[in-house]
Amino acid sequence: LAEAMHMPVDRLEEIVHTLSEFNPMLGHR
């Protein structure tokens, strides 16, 4: 995905980590 978005892999990993949730079914949905 990082390649497709022309984005550094570590930057995308950071975004994924920031948006992850402990209880997603009660979260941002």
PDB file of all heavy atoms in Angstrom:
ATOM      1  N   LEU A   1       0.825  -1.205   0.000  1.00  0.00           N
ATOM      2  CA  LEU A   1       0.000   0.000   0.000  1.00  0.00           C
ATOM      3  C   LEU A   1       0.864   1.262   0.000  1.00  0.00           C
ATOM      4  O   LEU A   1       0.560   2.233  -0.704  1.00  0.00           O
ATOM      5  CB  LEU A   1      -0.938   0.002   1.216  1.00  0.00           C
ATOM      6  CG  LEU A   1      -1.913   1.179   1.306  1.00  0.00           C
ATOM      7  CD1 LEU A   1      -2.835   1.236   0.093  1.00  0.00           C
ATOM      8  CD2 LEU A   1      -2.752   1.102   2.578  1.00  0.00           C
ATOM      9  N   ALA A   2       1.952   1.248   0.773  1.00  0.00           N
ATOM     10  CA  ALA A   2       2.860   2.407   0.820  1.00  0.00           C
ATOM     11  C   ALA A   2       3.414   2.703  -0.568  1.00  0.00           C
ATOM     12  O   ALA A   2       3.500   3.867  -0.983  1.00  0.00           O
ATOM     13  CB  ALA A   2       3.990   2.147   1.818  1.00  0.00           C
ATOM     14  N   GLU A   3       3.768   1.644  -1.297  1.00  0.00           N
ATOM     15  CA  GLU A   3       4.285   1.841  -2.670  1.00  0.00           C
ATOM     16  C   GLU A   3       3.208   2.454  -3.562  1.00  0.00           C
ATOM     17  O   GLU A   3       3.473   3.369  -4.337  1.00  0.00           O
ATOM     18  CB  GLU A   3       4.758   0.500  -3.245  1.00  0.00           C
ATOM     19  CG  GLU A   3       6.083   0.024  -2.657  1.00  0.00           C
ATOM     20  CD  GLU A   3       6.467  -1.384  -3.122  1.00  0.00           C
ATOM     21  OE1 GLU A   3       5.724  -1.958  -3.955  1.00  0.00           O
ATOM     22  OE2 GLU A   3       7.489  -1.903  -2.634  1.00  0.00           O
ATOM     23  N   ALA A   4       1.989   1.931  -3.447  1.00  0.00           N
ATOM     24  CA  ALA A   4       0.891   2.444  -4.276  1.00  0.00           C
ATOM     25  C   ALA A   4       0.586   3.902  -3.963  1.00  0.00           C
ATOM     26  O   ALA A   4       0.172   4.671  -4.836  1.00  0.00           O
ATOM     27  CB  ALA A   4      -0.359   1.593  -4.075  1.00  0.00           C
ATOM     28  N   MET A   5       0.795   4.295  -2.692  1.00  0.00           N
ATOM     29  CA  MET A   5       0.495   5.667  -2.276  1.00  0.00           C
ATOM     30  C   MET A   5       1.713   6.584  -2.363  1.00  0.00           C
ATOM     31  O   MET A   5       1.625   7.760  -2.001  1.00  0.00           O
ATOM     32  CB  MET A   5      -0.036   5.673  -0.838  1.00  0.00           C
ATOM     33  CG  MET A   5      -1.363   4.962  -0.669  1.00  0.00           C
ATOM     34  SD  MET A   5      -1.917   4.929   1.060  1.00  0.00           S
ATOM     35  CE  MET A   5      -2.368   6.649   1.302  1.00  0.00           C
ATOM     36  N   HIS A   6       2.841   6.029  -2.828  1.00  0.00           N
ATOM     37  CA  HIS A   6       4.099   6.810  -2.906  1.00  0.00           C
ATOM     38  C   HIS A   6       4.417   7.438  -1.549  1.00  0.00           C
ATOM     39  O   HIS A   6       4.682   8.633  -1.437  1.00  0.00           O
ATOM     40  CB  HIS A   6       4.016   7.885  -3.997  1.00  0.00           C
ATOM     41  CG  HIS A   6       3.551   7.360  -5.328  1.00  0.00           C
ATOM     42  ND1 HIS A   6       4.302   6.472  -6.075  1.00  0.00           N
ATOM     43  CD2 HIS A   6       2.407   7.569  -6.019  1.00  0.00           C
ATOM     44  CE1 HIS A   6       3.634   6.170  -7.196  1.00  0.00           C
ATOM     45  NE2 HIS A   6       2.470   6.821  -7.172  1.00  0.00           N
ATOM     46  N   MET A   7       4.367   6.591  -0.529  1.00  0.00           N
ATOM     47  CA  MET A   7       4.555   7.057   0.843  1.00  0.00           C
ATOM     48  C   MET A   7       5.599   6.161   1.525  1.00  0.00           C
ATOM     49  O   MET A   7       5.637   4.958   1.266  1.00  0.00           O
ATOM     50  CB  MET A   7       3.208   6.950   1.584  1.00  0.00           C
ATOM     51  CG  MET A   7       3.248   7.307   3.052  1.00  0.00           C
ATOM     52  SD  MET A   7       1.655   6.941   3.867  1.00  0.00           S
ATOM     53  CE  MET A   7       0.649   8.310   3.290  1.00  0.00           C
ATOM     54  N   PRO A   8       6.467   6.723   2.374  1.00  0.00           N
ATOM     55  CA  PRO A   8       7.422   5.877   3.096  1.00  0.00           C
ATOM     56  C   PRO A   8       6.687   4.848   3.957  1.00  0.00           C
ATOM     57  O   PRO A   8       5.650   5.153   4.566  1.00  0.00           O
ATOM     58  CB  PRO A   8       8.191   6.865   3.989  1.00  0.00           C
ATOM     59  CG  PRO A   8       7.953   8.210   3.387  1.00  0.00           C
ATOM     60  CD  PRO A   8       6.620   8.152   2.707  1.00  0.00           C
ATOM     61  N   VAL A   9       7.226   3.626   4.009  1.00  0.00           N
ATOM     62  CA  VAL A   9       6.580   2.545   4.756  1.00  0.00           C
ATOM     63  C   VAL A   9       6.434   2.910   6.233  1.00  0.00           C
ATOM     64  O   VAL A   9       5.379   2.682   6.838  1.00  0.00           O
ATOM     65  CB  VAL A   9       7.391   1.228   4.611  1.00  0.00           C
ATOM     66  CG1 VAL A   9       6.808   0.142   5.513  1.00  0.00           C
ATOM     67  CG2 VAL A   9       7.374   0.765   3.164  1.00  0.00           C
ATOM     68  N   ASP A  10       7.477   3.512   6.822  1.00  0.00           N
ATOM     69  CA  ASP A  10       7.396   3.836   8.254  1.00  0.00           C
ATOM     70  C   ASP A  10       6.311   4.875   8.542  1.00  0.00           C
ATOM     71  O   ASP A  10       5.679   4.863   9.591  1.00  0.00           O
ATOM     72  CB  ASP A  10       8.756   4.284   8.806  1.00  0.00           C
ATOM     73  CG  ASP A  10       9.322   5.505   8.095  1.00  0.00           C
ATOM     74  OD1 ASP A  10       8.781   5.887   7.039  1.00  0.00           O
ATOM     75  OD2 ASP A  10      10.321   6.067   8.588  1.00  0.00           O
ATOM     76  N   ARG A  11       6.058   5.771   7.583  1.00  0.00           N
ATOM     77  CA  ARG A  11       4.989   6.770   7.755  1.00  0.00           C
ATOM     78  C   ARG A  11       3.616   6.081   7.771  1.00  0.00           C
ATOM     79  O   ARG A  11       2.753   6.394   8.584  1.00  0.00           O
ATOM     80  CB  ARG A  11       5.063   7.812   6.632  1.00  0.00           C
ATOM     81  CG  ARG A  11       3.892   8.793   6.581  1.00  0.00           C
ATOM     82  CD  ARG A  11       3.954   9.839   7.687  1.00  0.00           C
ATOM     83  NE  ARG A  11       2.786  10.699   7.674  1.00  0.00           N
ATOM     84  CZ  ARG A  11       1.940  10.831   8.698  1.00  0.00           C
ATOM     85  NH1 ARG A  11       2.139  10.169   9.819  1.00  0.00           N
ATOM     86  NH2 ARG A  11       0.901  11.638   8.621  1.00  0.00           N
ATOM     87  N   LEU A  12       3.411   5.129   6.850  1.00  0.00           N
ATOM     88  CA  LEU A  12       2.137   4.412   6.802  1.00  0.00           C
ATOM     89  C   LEU A  12       1.964   3.545   8.056  1.00  0.00           C
ATOM     90  O   LEU A  12       0.867   3.470   8.621  1.00  0.00           O
ATOM     91  CB  LEU A  12       2.044   3.543   5.543  1.00  0.00           C
ATOM     92  CG  LEU A  12       0.705   2.835   5.326  1.00  0.00           C
ATOM     93  CD1 LEU A  12      -0.464   3.812   5.308  1.00  0.00           C
ATOM     94  CD2 LEU A  12       0.718   2.015   4.047  1.00  0.00           C
ATOM     95  N   GLU A  13       3.039   2.924   8.508  1.00  0.00           N
ATOM     96  CA  GLU A  13       2.972   2.132   9.745  1.00  0.00           C
ATOM     97  C   GLU A  13       2.553   3.005  10.927  1.00  0.00           C
ATOM     98  O   GLU A  13       1.770   2.584  11.782  1.00  0.00           O
ATOM     99  CB  GLU A  13       4.333   1.483  10.031  1.00  0.00           C
ATOM    100  CG  GLU A  13       4.602   0.253   9.173  1.00  0.00           C
ATOM    101  CD  GLU A  13       5.936  -0.405   9.485  1.00  0.00           C
ATOM    102  OE1 GLU A  13       6.924   0.327   9.705  1.00  0.00           O
ATOM    103  OE2 GLU A  13       5.998  -1.635   9.483  1.00  0.00           O
ATOM    104  N   GLU A  14       3.067   4.214  10.943  1.00  0.00           N
ATOM    105  CA  GLU A  14       2.722   5.165  12.014  1.00  0.00           C
ATOM    106  C   GLU A  14       1.229   5.497  11.979  1.00  0.00           C
ATOM    107  O   GLU A  14       0.554   5.540  13.011  1.00  0.00           O
ATOM    108  CB  GLU A  14       3.563   6.440  11.821  1.00  0.00           C
ATOM    109  CG  GLU A  14       3.429   7.461  12.923  1.00  0.00           C
ATOM    110  CD  GLU A  14       4.185   8.754  12.576  1.00  0.00           C
ATOM    111  OE1 GLU A  14       5.311   8.675  12.034  1.00  0.00           O
ATOM    112  OE2 GLU A  14       3.625   9.828  12.827  1.00  0.00           O
ATOM    113  N   ILE A  15       0.691   5.711  10.754  1.00  0.00           N
ATOM    114  CA  ILE A  15      -0.733   6.032  10.604  1.00  0.00           C
ATOM    115  C   ILE A  15      -1.593   4.850  11.061  1.00  0.00           C
ATOM    116  O   ILE A  15      -2.569   5.018  11.802  1.00  0.00           O
ATOM    117  CB  ILE A  15      -1.059   6.395   9.130  1.00  0.00           C
ATOM    118  CG1 ILE A  15      -0.405   7.728   8.757  1.00  0.00           C
ATOM    119  CG2 ILE A  15      -2.570   6.463   8.907  1.00  0.00           C
ATOM    120  CD1 ILE A  15      -0.462   8.063   7.281  1.00  0.00           C
ATOM    121  N   VAL A  16      -1.222   3.637  10.632  1.00  0.00           N
ATOM    122  CA  VAL A  16      -1.971   2.435  11.018  1.00  0.00           C
ATOM    123  C   VAL A  16      -1.974   2.288  12.541  1.00  0.00           C
ATOM    124  O   VAL A  16      -3.003   2.001  13.153  1.00  0.00           O
ATOM    125  CB  VAL A  16      -1.375   1.174  10.344  1.00  0.00           C
ATOM    126  CG1 VAL A  16      -1.981  -0.097  10.946  1.00  0.00           C
ATOM    127  CG2 VAL A  16      -1.615   1.212   8.842  1.00  0.00           C
ATOM    128  N   HIS A  17      -0.818   2.522  13.160  1.00  0.00           N
ATOM    129  CA  HIS A  17      -0.705   2.416  14.625  1.00  0.00           C
ATOM    130  C   HIS A  17      -1.587   3.461  15.316  1.00  0.00           C
ATOM    131  O   HIS A  17      -2.299   3.174  16.273  1.00  0.00           O
ATOM    132  CB  HIS A  17       0.752   2.599  15.055  1.00  0.00           C
ATOM    133  CG  HIS A  17       0.936   2.571  16.547  1.00  0.00           C
ATOM    134  ND1 HIS A  17       0.792   1.413  17.296  1.00  0.00           N
ATOM    135  CD2 HIS A  17       1.204   3.571  17.441  1.00  0.00           C
ATOM    136  CE1 HIS A  17       0.978   1.706  18.572  1.00  0.00           C
ATOM    137  NE2 HIS A  17       1.223   2.999  18.693  1.00  0.00           N
ATOM    138  N   THR A  18      -1.588   4.690  14.791  1.00  0.00           N
ATOM    139  CA  THR A  18      -2.374   5.784  15.378  1.00  0.00           C
ATOM    140  C   THR A  18      -3.871   5.495  15.306  1.00  0.00           C
ATOM    141  O   THR A  18      -4.621   5.831  16.223  1.00  0.00           O
ATOM    142  CB  THR A  18      -2.084   7.112  14.635  1.00  0.00           C
ATOM    143  OG1 THR A  18      -0.687   7.354  14.670  1.00  0.00           O
ATOM    144  CG2 THR A  18      -2.804   8.282  15.274  1.00  0.00           C
ATOM    145  N   LEU A  19      -4.305   4.864  14.214  1.00  0.00           N
ATOM    146  CA  LEU A  19      -5.737   4.639  14.004  1.00  0.00           C
ATOM    147  C   LEU A  19      -6.239   3.319  14.602  1.00  0.00           C
ATOM    148  O   LEU A  19      -7.439   3.063  14.600  1.00  0.00           O
ATOM    149  CB  LEU A  19      -6.056   4.666  12.499  1.00  0.00           C
ATOM    150  CG  LEU A  19      -5.839   6.008  11.793  1.00  0.00           C
ATOM    151  CD1 LEU A  19      -6.131   5.880  10.303  1.00  0.00           C
ATOM    152  CD2 LEU A  19      -6.700   7.112  12.395  1.00  0.00           C
ATOM    153  N   SER A  20      -5.322   2.483  15.102  1.00  0.00           N
ATOM    154  CA  SER A  20      -5.760   1.208  15.661  1.00  0.00           C
ATOM    155  C   SER A  20      -6.496   1.452  16.984  1.00  0.00           C
ATOM    156  O   SER A  20      -6.244   2.431  17.678  1.00  0.00           O
ATOM    157  CB  SER A  20      -4.572   0.268  15.871  1.00  0.00           C
ATOM    158  OG  SER A  20      -3.681   0.815  16.813  1.00  0.00           O
ATOM    159  N   GLU A  21      -7.421   0.535  17.317  1.00  0.00           N
ATOM    160  CA  GLU A  21      -8.260   0.710  18.503  1.00  0.00           C
ATOM    161  C   GLU A  21      -8.227  -0.537  19.371  1.00  0.00           C
ATOM    162  O   GLU A  21      -8.101  -1.659  18.860  1.00  0.00           O
ATOM    163  CB  GLU A  21      -9.711   0.988  18.080  1.00  0.00           C
ATOM    164  CG  GLU A  21      -9.875   2.266  17.270  1.00  0.00           C
ATOM    165  CD  GLU A  21     -11.290   2.445  16.770  1.00  0.00           C
ATOM    166  OE1 GLU A  21     -11.730   1.671  15.917  1.00  0.00           O
ATOM    167  OE2 GLU A  21     -11.955   3.370  17.251  1.00  0.00           O
ATOM    168  N   PHE A  22      -8.378  -0.364  20.702  1.00  0.00           N
ATOM    169  CA  PHE A  22      -8.409  -1.504  21.614  1.00  0.00           C
ATOM    170  C   PHE A  22      -9.710  -2.283  21.463  1.00  0.00           C
ATOM    171  O   PHE A  22      -9.740  -3.500  21.556  1.00  0.00           O
ATOM    172  CB  PHE A  22      -8.258  -1.033  23.068  1.00  0.00           C
ATOM    173  CG  PHE A  22      -6.863  -0.615  23.413  1.00  0.00           C
ATOM    174  CD1 PHE A  22      -6.558   0.718  23.639  1.00  0.00           C
ATOM    175  CD2 PHE A  22      -5.842  -1.551  23.493  1.00  0.00           C
ATOM    176  CE1 PHE A  22      -5.266   1.115  23.944  1.00  0.00           C
ATOM    177  CE2 PHE A  22      -4.543  -1.170  23.795  1.00  0.00           C
ATOM    178  CZ  PHE A  22      -4.254   0.173  24.022  1.00  0.00           C
ATOM    179  N   ASN A  23     -10.817  -1.572  21.258  1.00  0.00           N
ATOM    180  CA  ASN A  23     -12.115  -2.228  21.146  1.00  0.00           C
ATOM    181  C   ASN A  23     -12.853  -1.648  19.946  1.00  0.00           C
ATOM    182  O   ASN A  23     -13.771  -0.834  20.101  1.00  0.00           O
ATOM    183  CB  ASN A  23     -12.920  -2.028  22.436  1.00  0.00           C
ATOM    184  CG  ASN A  23     -14.100  -2.977  22.528  1.00  0.00           C
ATOM    185  OD1 ASN A  23     -14.526  -3.526  21.521  1.00  0.00           O
ATOM    186  ND2 ASN A  23     -14.629  -3.160  23.713  1.00  0.00           N
ATOM    187  N   PRO A  24     -12.443  -2.050  18.739  1.00  0.00           N
ATOM    188  CA  PRO A  24     -12.962  -1.384  17.534  1.00  0.00           C
ATOM    189  C   PRO A  24     -14.468  -1.485  17.348  1.00  0.00           C
ATOM    190  O   PRO A  24     -15.076  -0.594  16.777  1.00  0.00           O
ATOM    191  CB  PRO A  24     -12.217  -2.083  16.388  1.00  0.00           C
ATOM    192  CG  PRO A  24     -11.639  -3.327  16.973  1.00  0.00           C
ATOM    193  CD  PRO A  24     -11.422  -3.061  18.419  1.00  0.00           C
ATOM    194  N   MET A  25     -15.106  -2.555  17.861  1.00  0.00           N
ATOM    195  CA  MET A  25     -16.553  -2.666  17.686  1.00  0.00           C
ATOM    196  C   MET A  25     -17.298  -1.585  18.481  1.00  0.00           C
ATOM    197  O   MET A  25     -18.447  -1.267  18.199  1.00  0.00           O
ATOM    198  CB  MET A  25     -17.052  -4.057  18.112  1.00  0.00           C
ATOM    199  CG  MET A  25     -16.598  -5.180  17.190  1.00  0.00           C
ATOM    200  SD  MET A  25     -16.984  -4.907  15.450  1.00  0.00           S
ATOM    201  CE  MET A  25     -18.748  -5.147  15.433  1.00  0.00           C
ATOM    202  N   LEU A  26     -16.636  -1.026  19.499  1.00  0.00           N
ATOM    203  CA  LEU A  26     -17.229   0.074  20.262  1.00  0.00           C
ATOM    204  C   LEU A  26     -16.517   1.385  19.941  1.00  0.00           C
ATOM    205  O   LEU A  26     -16.594   2.342  20.698  1.00  0.00           O
ATOM    206  CB  LEU A  26     -17.128  -0.201  21.769  1.00  0.00           C
ATOM    207  CG  LEU A  26     -17.911  -1.392  22.299  1.00  0.00           C
ATOM    208  CD1 LEU A  26     -17.711  -1.523  23.802  1.00  0.00           C
ATOM    209  CD2 LEU A  26     -19.398  -1.245  21.997  1.00  0.00           C
ATOM    210  N   GLY A  27     -15.830   1.409  18.823  1.00  0.00           N
ATOM    211  CA  GLY A  27     -14.969   2.548  18.536  1.00  0.00           C
ATOM    212  C   GLY A  27     -15.424   3.403  17.361  1.00  0.00           C
ATOM    213  O   GLY A  27     -16.595   3.765  17.243  1.00  0.00           O
ATOM    214  N   HIS A  28     -14.492   3.659  16.472  1.00  0.00           N
ATOM    215  CA  HIS A  28     -14.645   4.642  15.399  1.00  0.00           C
ATOM    216  C   HIS A  28     -15.308   3.980  14.194  1.00  0.00           C
ATOM    217  O   HIS A  28     -14.651   3.625  13.221  1.00  0.00           O
ATOM    218  CB  HIS A  28     -13.243   5.154  15.039  1.00  0.00           C
ATOM    219  CG  HIS A  28     -13.255   6.479  14.375  1.00  0.00           C
ATOM    220  ND1 HIS A  28     -12.118   7.176  14.079  1.00  0.00           N
ATOM    221  CD2 HIS A  28     -14.269   7.263  13.940  1.00  0.00           C
ATOM    222  CE1 HIS A  28     -12.419   8.309  13.497  1.00  0.00           C
ATOM    223  NE2 HIS A  28     -13.728   8.384  13.407  1.00  0.00           N
ATOM    224  N   ARG A  29     -16.612   3.816  14.270  1.00  0.00           N
ATOM    225  CA  ARG A  29     -17.339   3.128  13.198  1.00  0.00           C
ATOM    226  C   ARG A  29     -18.723   3.737  13.043  1.00  0.00           C
ATOM    227  O   ARG A  29     -19.134   4.596  13.823  1.00  0.00           O
ATOM    228  CB  ARG A  29     -17.443   1.627  13.491  1.00  0.00           C
ATOM    229  CG  ARG A  29     -18.083   1.299  14.819  1.00  0.00           C
ATOM    230  CD  ARG A  29     -18.261  -0.195  15.038  1.00  0.00           C
ATOM    231  NE  ARG A  29     -19.411  -0.707  14.327  1.00  0.00           N
ATOM    232  CZ  ARG A  29     -20.366  -1.468  14.885  1.00  0.00           C
ATOM    233  NH1 ARG A  29     -20.293  -1.794  16.161  1.00  0.00           N
ATOM    234  NH2 ARG A  29     -21.382  -1.892  14.187  1.00  0.00           N
TER     235      ARG A  29
END
